[in-house]
PDB file of N, CA and C in Angstrom:
ATOM      1  N   MET A   1     126.470 -70.833 213.310  1.00  0.00           N
ATOM      2  CA  MET A   1     127.460 -71.468 212.199  1.00  0.00           C
ATOM      3  C   MET A   1     127.684 -70.712 211.000  1.00  0.00           C
ATOM      4  N   GLN A   2     129.061 -70.036 211.118  1.00  0.00           N
ATOM      5  CA  GLN A   2     129.587 -69.782 209.681  1.00  0.00           C
ATOM      6  C   GLN A   2     130.364 -70.978 208.907  1.00  0.00           C
ATOM      7  N   ALA A   3     129.523 -72.101 208.111  1.00  0.00           N
ATOM      8  CA  ALA A   3     130.590 -72.638 207.706  1.00  0.00           C
ATOM      9  C   ALA A   3     131.874 -72.262 206.298  1.00  0.00           C
ATOM     10  N   GLY A   4     132.982 -72.368 206.756  1.00  0.00           N
ATOM     11  CA  GLY A   4     134.257 -71.975 205.777  1.00  0.00           C
ATOM     12  C   GLY A   4     134.501 -72.421 204.546  1.00  0.00           C
ATOM     13  N   PHE A   5     135.134 -72.530 204.219  1.00  0.00           N
ATOM     14  CA  PHE A   5     135.978 -73.267 203.095  1.00  0.00           C
ATOM     15  C   PHE A   5     135.979 -74.944 203.167  1.00  0.00           C
ATOM     16  N   TYR A   6     135.660 -75.894 202.645  1.00  0.00           N
ATOM     17  CA  TYR A   6     136.212 -77.038 202.934  1.00  0.00           C
ATOM     18  C   TYR A   6     135.843 -77.900 204.135  1.00  0.00           C
ATOM     19  N   THR A   7     134.221 -77.194 204.366  1.00  0.00           N
ATOM     20  CA  THR A   7     134.357 -77.552 205.957  1.00  0.00           C
ATOM     21  C   THR A   7     132.342 -78.609 205.329  1.00  0.00           C
ATOM     22  N   GLN A   8     131.993 -79.136 205.982  1.00  0.00           N
ATOM     23  CA  GLN A   8     130.959 -80.181 205.915  1.00  0.00           C
ATOM     24  C   GLN A   8     130.114 -80.403 207.104  1.00  0.00           C
ATOM     25  N   VAL A   9     128.863 -79.836 207.443  1.00  0.00           N
ATOM     26  CA  VAL A   9     128.135 -79.932 208.782  1.00  0.00           C
ATOM     27  C   VAL A   9     126.800 -81.015 208.417  1.00  0.00           C
ATOM     28  N   LEU A  10     127.708 -82.075 209.206  1.00  0.00           N
ATOM     29  CA  LEU A  10     126.162 -83.113 209.306  1.00  0.00           C
ATOM     30  C   LEU A  10     125.328 -83.164 210.412  1.00  0.00           C
ATOM     31  N   GLY A  11     124.360 -83.705 210.073  1.00  0.00           N
ATOM     32  CA  GLY A  11     123.385 -84.205 211.295  1.00  0.00           C
ATOM     33  C   GLY A  11     123.627 -85.648 211.902  1.00  0.00           C
ATOM     34  N   LEU A  12     123.462 -85.780 212.309  1.00  0.00           N
ATOM     35  CA  LEU A  12     124.089 -87.117 212.776  1.00  0.00           C
ATOM     36  C   LEU A  12     122.658 -88.470 213.205  1.00  0.00           C
ATOM     37  N   GLY A  13     121.703 -87.529 213.051  1.00  0.00           N
ATOM     38  CA  GLY A  13     119.989 -88.431 213.845  1.00  0.00           C
ATOM     39  C   GLY A  13     119.601 -89.319 212.878  1.00  0.00           C
ATOM     40  N   ARG A  14     118.658 -89.738 212.971  1.00  0.00           N
ATOM     41  CA  ARG A  14     118.125 -90.925 211.559  1.00  0.00           C
ATOM     42  C   ARG A  14     117.101 -90.075 210.867  1.00  0.00           C
ATOM     43  N   THR A  15     116.484 -88.454 211.311  1.00  0.00           N
ATOM     44  CA  THR A  15     115.917 -87.440 209.806  1.00  0.00           C
ATOM     45  C   THR A  15     116.357 -86.379 210.053  1.00  0.00           C
ATOM     46  N   PRO A  16     116.552 -85.497 209.250  1.00  0.00           N
ATOM     47  CA  PRO A  16     116.915 -84.034 209.414  1.00  0.00           C
ATOM     48  C   PRO A  16     116.151 -83.000 210.423  1.00  0.00           C
ATOM     49  N   ASP A  17     114.945 -83.388 211.646  1.00  0.00           N
ATOM     50  CA  ASP A  17     114.312 -83.053 212.026  1.00  0.00           C
ATOM     51  C   ASP A  17     114.848 -83.496 213.894  1.00  0.00           C
ATOM     52  N   ASP A  18     115.496 -84.571 213.432  1.00  0.00           N
ATOM     53  CA  ASP A  18     116.701 -84.946 214.715  1.00  0.00           C
ATOM     54  C   ASP A  18     117.714 -84.258 215.028  1.00  0.00           C
ATOM     55  N   VAL A  19     118.086 -83.405 214.510  1.00  0.00           N
ATOM     56  CA  VAL A  19     119.302 -82.043 214.173  1.00  0.00           C
ATOM     57  C   VAL A  19     118.504 -81.028 214.279  1.00  0.00           C
ATOM     58  N   ALA A  20     118.450 -80.320 215.687  1.00  0.00           N
ATOM     59  CA  ALA A  20     118.009 -78.775 215.156  1.00  0.00           C
ATOM     60  C   ALA A  20     118.414 -77.728 215.602  1.00  0.00           C
ATOM     61  N   ILE A  21     118.630 -76.741 214.648  1.00  0.00           N
ATOM     62  CA  ILE A  21     119.458 -75.606 215.420  1.00  0.00           C
ATOM     63  C   ILE A  21     118.504 -74.474 215.111  1.00  0.00           C
ATOM     64  N   THR A  22     118.590 -73.897 216.301  1.00  0.00           N
ATOM     65  CA  THR A  22     118.117 -72.333 216.650  1.00  0.00           C
ATOM     66  C   THR A  22     119.490 -71.278 215.973  1.00  0.00           C
ATOM     67  N   GLY A  23     119.004 -70.778 214.712  1.00  0.00           N
ATOM     68  CA  GLY A  23     120.100 -69.221 214.355  1.00  0.00           C
ATOM     69  C   GLY A  23     120.604 -69.580 213.269  1.00  0.00           C
ATOM     70  N   ALA A  24     121.271 -70.416 212.554  1.00  0.00           N
ATOM     71  CA  ALA A  24     121.637 -70.221 211.366  1.00  0.00           C
ATOM     72  C   ALA A  24     122.913 -71.049 210.818  1.00  0.00           C
ATOM     73  N   VAL A  25     122.978 -72.138 210.004  1.00  0.00           N
ATOM     74  CA  VAL A  25     123.989 -72.309 209.318  1.00  0.00           C
ATOM     75  C   VAL A  25     123.734 -71.552 208.069  1.00  0.00           C
ATOM     76  N   ARG A  26     124.962 -70.762 207.723  1.00  0.00           N
ATOM     77  CA  ARG A  26     125.328 -69.965 206.766  1.00  0.00           C
ATOM     78  C   ARG A  26     126.022 -69.813 206.179  1.00  0.00           C
ATOM     79  N   CYS A  27     126.173 -69.255 204.521  1.00  0.00           N
ATOM     80  CA  CYS A  27     127.700 -69.360 204.179  1.00  0.00           C
ATOM     81  C   CYS A  27     127.601 -68.116 203.045  1.00  0.00           C
ATOM     82  N   LYS A  28     128.332 -66.862 203.779  1.00  0.00           N
ATOM     83  CA  LYS A  28     128.457 -65.659 203.211  1.00  0.00           C
ATOM     84  C   LYS A  28     129.651 -65.143 202.365  1.00  0.00           C
ATOM     85  N   ALA A  29     129.271 -64.482 201.748  1.00  0.00           N
ATOM     86  CA  ALA A  29     130.199 -63.538 200.877  1.00  0.00           C
ATOM     87  C   ALA A  29     130.572 -62.678 201.057  1.00  0.00           C
ATOM     88  N   ARG A  30     130.919 -62.180 202.692  1.00  0.00           N
ATOM     89  CA  ARG A  30     131.291 -60.717 203.013  1.00  0.00           C
ATOM     90  C   ARG A  30     132.456 -60.684 203.181  1.00  0.00           C
ATOM     91  N   TRP A  31     133.421 -61.896 202.832  1.00  0.00           N
ATOM     92  CA  TRP A  31     134.707 -61.982 202.918  1.00  0.00           C
ATOM     93  C   TRP A  31     135.467 -61.249 202.047  1.00  0.00           C
ATOM     94  N   MET A  32     135.309 -60.807 200.662  1.00  0.00           N
ATOM     95  CA  MET A  32     135.560 -60.768 199.552  1.00  0.00           C
ATOM     96  C   MET A  32     135.040 -59.102 199.170  1.00  0.00           C
ATOM     97  N   ALA A  33     136.071 -58.025 199.038  1.00  0.00           N
ATOM     98  CA  ALA A  33     135.543 -56.790 198.895  1.00  0.00           C
ATOM     99  C   ALA A  33     134.247 -56.416 198.340  1.00  0.00           C
ATOM    100  N   ASN A  34     133.844 -57.000 197.158  1.00  0.00           N
ATOM    101  CA  ASN A  34     132.584 -56.994 196.762  1.00  0.00           C
ATOM    102  C   ASN A  34     131.362 -57.923 196.900  1.00  0.00           C
ATOM    103  N   HIS A  35     131.875 -59.006 197.880  1.00  0.00           N
ATOM    104  CA  HIS A  35     131.017 -59.691 198.598  1.00  0.00           C
ATOM    105  C   HIS A  35     130.654 -60.965 197.001  1.00  0.00           C
ATOM    106  N   ASN A  36     131.570 -61.117 196.617  1.00  0.00           N
ATOM    107  CA  ASN A  36     131.579 -61.854 195.319  1.00  0.00           C
ATOM    108  C   ASN A  36     131.067 -63.736 195.810  1.00  0.00           C
ATOM    109  N   ALA A  37     129.844 -64.156 195.677  1.00  0.00           N
ATOM    110  CA  ALA A  37     130.130 -65.797 196.272  1.00  0.00           C
ATOM    111  C   ALA A  37     130.187 -66.475 194.953  1.00  0.00           C
ATOM    112  N   THR A  38     130.800 -66.516 193.773  1.00  0.00           N
ATOM    113  CA  THR A  38     131.643 -67.031 192.778  1.00  0.00           C
ATOM    114  C   THR A  38     132.921 -67.786 193.932  1.00  0.00           C
ATOM    115  N   CYS A  39     133.348 -67.117 195.001  1.00  0.00           N
ATOM    116  CA  CYS A  39     134.183 -67.445 194.866  1.00  0.00           C
ATOM    117  C   CYS A  39     134.851 -68.463 196.190  1.00  0.00           C
ATOM    118  N   ASN A  40     132.895 -68.702 197.000  1.00  0.00           N
ATOM    119  CA  ASN A  40     132.533 -69.609 197.998  1.00  0.00           C
ATOM    120  C   ASN A  40     132.181 -71.254 197.387  1.00  0.00           C
ATOM    121  N   PHE A  41     133.277 -71.727 197.916  1.00  0.00           N
ATOM    122  CA  PHE A  41     133.272 -73.332 197.255  1.00  0.00           C
ATOM    123  C   PHE A  41     133.606 -74.154 198.372  1.00  0.00           C
ATOM    124  N   TRP A  42     133.358 -75.413 198.039  1.00  0.00           N
ATOM    125  CA  TRP A  42     133.450 -76.367 198.990  1.00  0.00           C
ATOM    126  C   TRP A  42     133.423 -76.789 200.141  1.00  0.00           C
ATOM    127  N   ARG A  43     131.605 -76.630 200.018  1.00  0.00           N
ATOM    128  CA  ARG A  43     130.881 -76.603 201.491  1.00  0.00           C
ATOM    129  C   ARG A  43     129.661 -77.258 201.560  1.00  0.00           C
ATOM    130  N   GLY A  44     129.645 -78.034 202.677  1.00  0.00           N
ATOM    131  CA  GLY A  44     127.882 -78.674 202.602  1.00  0.00           C
ATOM    132  C   GLY A  44     127.630 -79.124 203.771  1.00  0.00           C
ATOM    133  N   VAL A  45     126.209 -79.348 203.346  1.00  0.00           N
ATOM    134  CA  VAL A  45     125.214 -78.997 204.528  1.00  0.00           C
ATOM    135  C   VAL A  45     124.261 -80.324 205.045  1.00  0.00           C
ATOM    136  N   GLU A  46     124.418 -81.247 205.475  1.00  0.00           N
ATOM    137  CA  GLU A  46     123.356 -82.409 205.408  1.00  0.00           C
ATOM    138  C   GLU A  46     122.932 -82.853 206.635  1.00  0.00           C
ATOM    139  N   ASN A  47     121.556 -82.903 206.149  1.00  0.00           N
ATOM    140  CA  ASN A  47     120.745 -84.004 207.075  1.00  0.00           C
ATOM    141  C   ASN A  47     120.087 -83.254 208.700  1.00  0.00           C
ATOM    142  N   LEU A  48     119.721 -81.770 208.358  1.00  0.00           N
ATOM    143  CA  LEU A  48     119.537 -81.226 209.786  1.00  0.00           C
ATOM    144  C   LEU A  48     118.365 -80.507 209.351  1.00  0.00           C
ATOM    145  N   SER A  49     118.048 -79.853 210.494  1.00  0.00           N
ATOM    146  CA  SER A  49     116.602 -78.800 210.453  1.00  0.00           C
ATOM    147  C   SER A  49     117.834 -77.072 211.325  1.00  0.00           C
ATOM    148  N   VAL A  50     116.988 -76.064 210.685  1.00  0.00           N
ATOM    149  CA  VAL A  50     118.048 -75.038 210.718  1.00  0.00           C
ATOM    150  C   VAL A  50     116.429 -74.397 211.297  1.00  0.00           C
ATOM    151  N   THR A  51     116.582 -73.511 212.070  1.00  0.00           N
ATOM    152  CA  THR A  51     114.710 -72.053 212.535  1.00  0.00           C
ATOM    153  C   THR A  51     115.867 -70.811 212.296  1.00  0.00           C
ATOM    154  N   PRO A  52     116.100 -70.101 211.164  1.00  0.00           N
ATOM    155  CA  PRO A  52     116.768 -68.978 211.008  1.00  0.00           C
ATOM    156  C   PRO A  52     116.135 -67.736 212.166  1.00  0.00           C
ATOM    157  N   THR A  53     117.421 -67.572 212.571  1.00  0.00           N
ATOM    158  CA  THR A  53     116.772 -66.194 213.901  1.00  0.00           C
ATOM    159  C   THR A  53     118.021 -64.578 213.370  1.00  0.00           C
ATOM    160  N   GLN A  54     118.650 -64.894 212.200  1.00  0.00           N
ATOM    161  CA  GLN A  54     119.159 -63.775 212.294  1.00  0.00           C
ATOM    162  C   GLN A  54     119.016 -63.959 210.815  1.00  0.00           C
ATOM    163  N   ASP A  55     119.311 -62.411 210.259  1.00  0.00           N
ATOM    164  CA  ASP A  55     119.412 -61.838 208.946  1.00  0.00           C
ATOM    165  C   ASP A  55     117.633 -61.944 208.161  1.00  0.00           C
ATOM    166  N   GLN A  56     117.083 -61.432 209.194  1.00  0.00           N
ATOM    167  CA  GLN A  56     115.777 -61.533 209.325  1.00  0.00           C
ATOM    168  C   GLN A  56     114.721 -62.741 208.817  1.00  0.00           C
ATOM    169  N   ASN A  57     115.266 -63.062 209.915  1.00  0.00           N
ATOM    170  CA  ASN A  57     114.922 -65.243 209.321  1.00  0.00           C
ATOM    171  C   ASN A  57     115.436 -65.587 208.415  1.00  0.00           C
ATOM    172  N   ILE A  58     116.179 -65.116 207.790  1.00  0.00           N
ATOM    173  CA  ILE A  58     116.602 -66.269 206.452  1.00  0.00           C
ATOM    174  C   ILE A  58     118.201 -66.360 206.536  1.00  0.00           C
ATOM    175  N   ASN A  59     118.000 -68.049 206.172  1.00  0.00           N
ATOM    176  CA  ASN A  59     119.195 -68.737 206.213  1.00  0.00           C
ATOM    177  C   ASN A  59     119.478 -68.287 204.674  1.00  0.00           C
ATOM    178  N   ILE A  60     121.209 -67.859 204.723  1.00  0.00           N
ATOM    179  CA  ILE A  60     121.914 -67.669 203.690  1.00  0.00           C
ATOM    180  C   ILE A  60     122.779 -68.767 203.120  1.00  0.00           C
ATOM    181  N   TRP A  61     122.649 -68.855 201.969  1.00  0.00           N
ATOM    182  CA  TRP A  61     123.878 -70.159 201.583  1.00  0.00           C
ATOM    183  C   TRP A  61     124.126 -69.733 200.388  1.00  0.00           C
ATOM    184  N   ALA A  62     125.294 -68.164 200.277  1.00  0.00           N
ATOM    185  CA  ALA A  62     125.646 -67.552 199.055  1.00  0.00           C
ATOM    186  C   ALA A  62     127.264 -68.679 198.562  1.00  0.00           C
ATOM    187  N   VAL A  63     127.043 -69.803 197.664  1.00  0.00           N
ATOM    188  CA  VAL A  63     128.099 -70.414 197.171  1.00  0.00           C
ATOM    189  C   VAL A  63     127.884 -71.153 196.186  1.00  0.00           C
ATOM    190  N   SER A  64     128.727 -71.191 195.063  1.00  0.00           N
ATOM    191  CA  SER A  64     128.748 -70.879 193.544  1.00  0.00           C
ATOM    192  C   SER A  64     129.022 -72.310 193.292  1.00  0.00           C
ATOM    193  N   GLN A  65     130.047 -73.132 193.518  1.00  0.00           N
ATOM    194  CA  GLN A  65     130.127 -74.689 192.966  1.00  0.00           C
ATOM    195  C   GLN A  65     130.708 -75.377 194.284  1.00  0.00           C
ATOM    196  N   ALA A  66     130.313 -76.754 193.768  1.00  0.00           N
ATOM    197  CA  ALA A  66     130.955 -78.314 194.973  1.00  0.00           C
ATOM    198  C   ALA A  66     130.755 -77.659 196.091  1.00  0.00           C
ATOM    199  N   THR A  67     129.079 -77.709 196.000  1.00  0.00           N
ATOM    200  CA  THR A  67     128.470 -77.232 197.281  1.00  0.00           C
ATOM    201  C   THR A  67     127.557 -78.323 197.487  1.00  0.00           C
ATOM    202  N   ALA A  68     126.950 -79.052 198.362  1.00  0.00           N
ATOM    203  CA  ALA A  68     125.709 -79.782 198.959  1.00  0.00           C
ATOM    204  C   ALA A  68     125.128 -78.739 200.102  1.00  0.00           C
ATOM    205  N   LEU A  69     123.906 -78.683 200.004  1.00  0.00           N
ATOM    206  CA  LEU A  69     122.590 -78.566 200.943  1.00  0.00           C
ATOM    207  C   LEU A  69     121.427 -79.563 200.877  1.00  0.00           C
ATOM    208  N   ARG A  70     121.904 -81.160 201.189  1.00  0.00           N
ATOM    209  CA  ARG A  70     120.960 -82.516 201.152  1.00  0.00           C
ATOM    210  C   ARG A  70     120.005 -81.887 202.562  1.00  0.00           C
ATOM    211  N   ARG A  71     119.203 -83.049 202.392  1.00  0.00           N
ATOM    212  CA  ARG A  71     118.352 -83.658 203.469  1.00  0.00           C
ATOM    213  C   ARG A  71     117.823 -82.132 204.665  1.00  0.00           C
ATOM    214  N   VAL A  72     117.903 -80.609 204.380  1.00  0.00           N
ATOM    215  CA  VAL A  72     117.862 -79.797 205.075  1.00  0.00           C
ATOM    216  C   VAL A  72     116.098 -79.060 205.200  1.00  0.00           C
ATOM    217  N   HIS A  73     115.921 -79.199 206.354  1.00  0.00           N
ATOM    218  CA  HIS A  73     114.428 -78.653 206.875  1.00  0.00           C
ATOM    219  C   HIS A  73     114.781 -76.933 207.558  1.00  0.00           C
ATOM    220  N   VAL A  74     114.412 -76.278 206.565  1.00  0.00           N
ATOM    221  CA  VAL A  74     114.388 -75.077 206.899  1.00  0.00           C
ATOM    222  C   VAL A  74     112.759 -74.640 207.380  1.00  0.00           C
ATOM    223  N   ARG A  75     113.147 -74.142 208.581  1.00  0.00           N
ATOM    224  CA  ARG A  75     111.746 -73.938 209.327  1.00  0.00           C
ATOM    225  C   ARG A  75     111.484 -72.646 209.375  1.00  0.00           C
ATOM    226  N   ALA A  76     110.691 -71.923 208.910  1.00  0.00           N
ATOM    227  CA  ALA A  76     109.879 -70.812 209.474  1.00  0.00           C
ATOM    228  C   ALA A  76     109.265 -70.333 210.540  1.00  0.00           C
ATOM    229  N   ILE A  77     109.458 -69.239 210.858  1.00  0.00           N
ATOM    230  CA  ILE A  77     109.206 -68.700 212.593  1.00  0.00           C
ATOM    231  C   ILE A  77     107.725 -68.188 212.183  1.00  0.00           C
TER     232      ILE A  77
END
């Protein structure tokens, strides 16, 4: 899942591990010609777990301002 502008991704479980995503919850800065992450803002992810299987098993969160990454469990494989 690629989170766009003004997007909040919420896990509705009691704990982050109640909502498990395998793959990625990510925000990249590839949409700009110079991949400038300082123009990525207003995104949030909360209360879920992620097992990254893309981008060499790394979860990418390239956001500069107005962002939240709360109660997220990033699992290693």
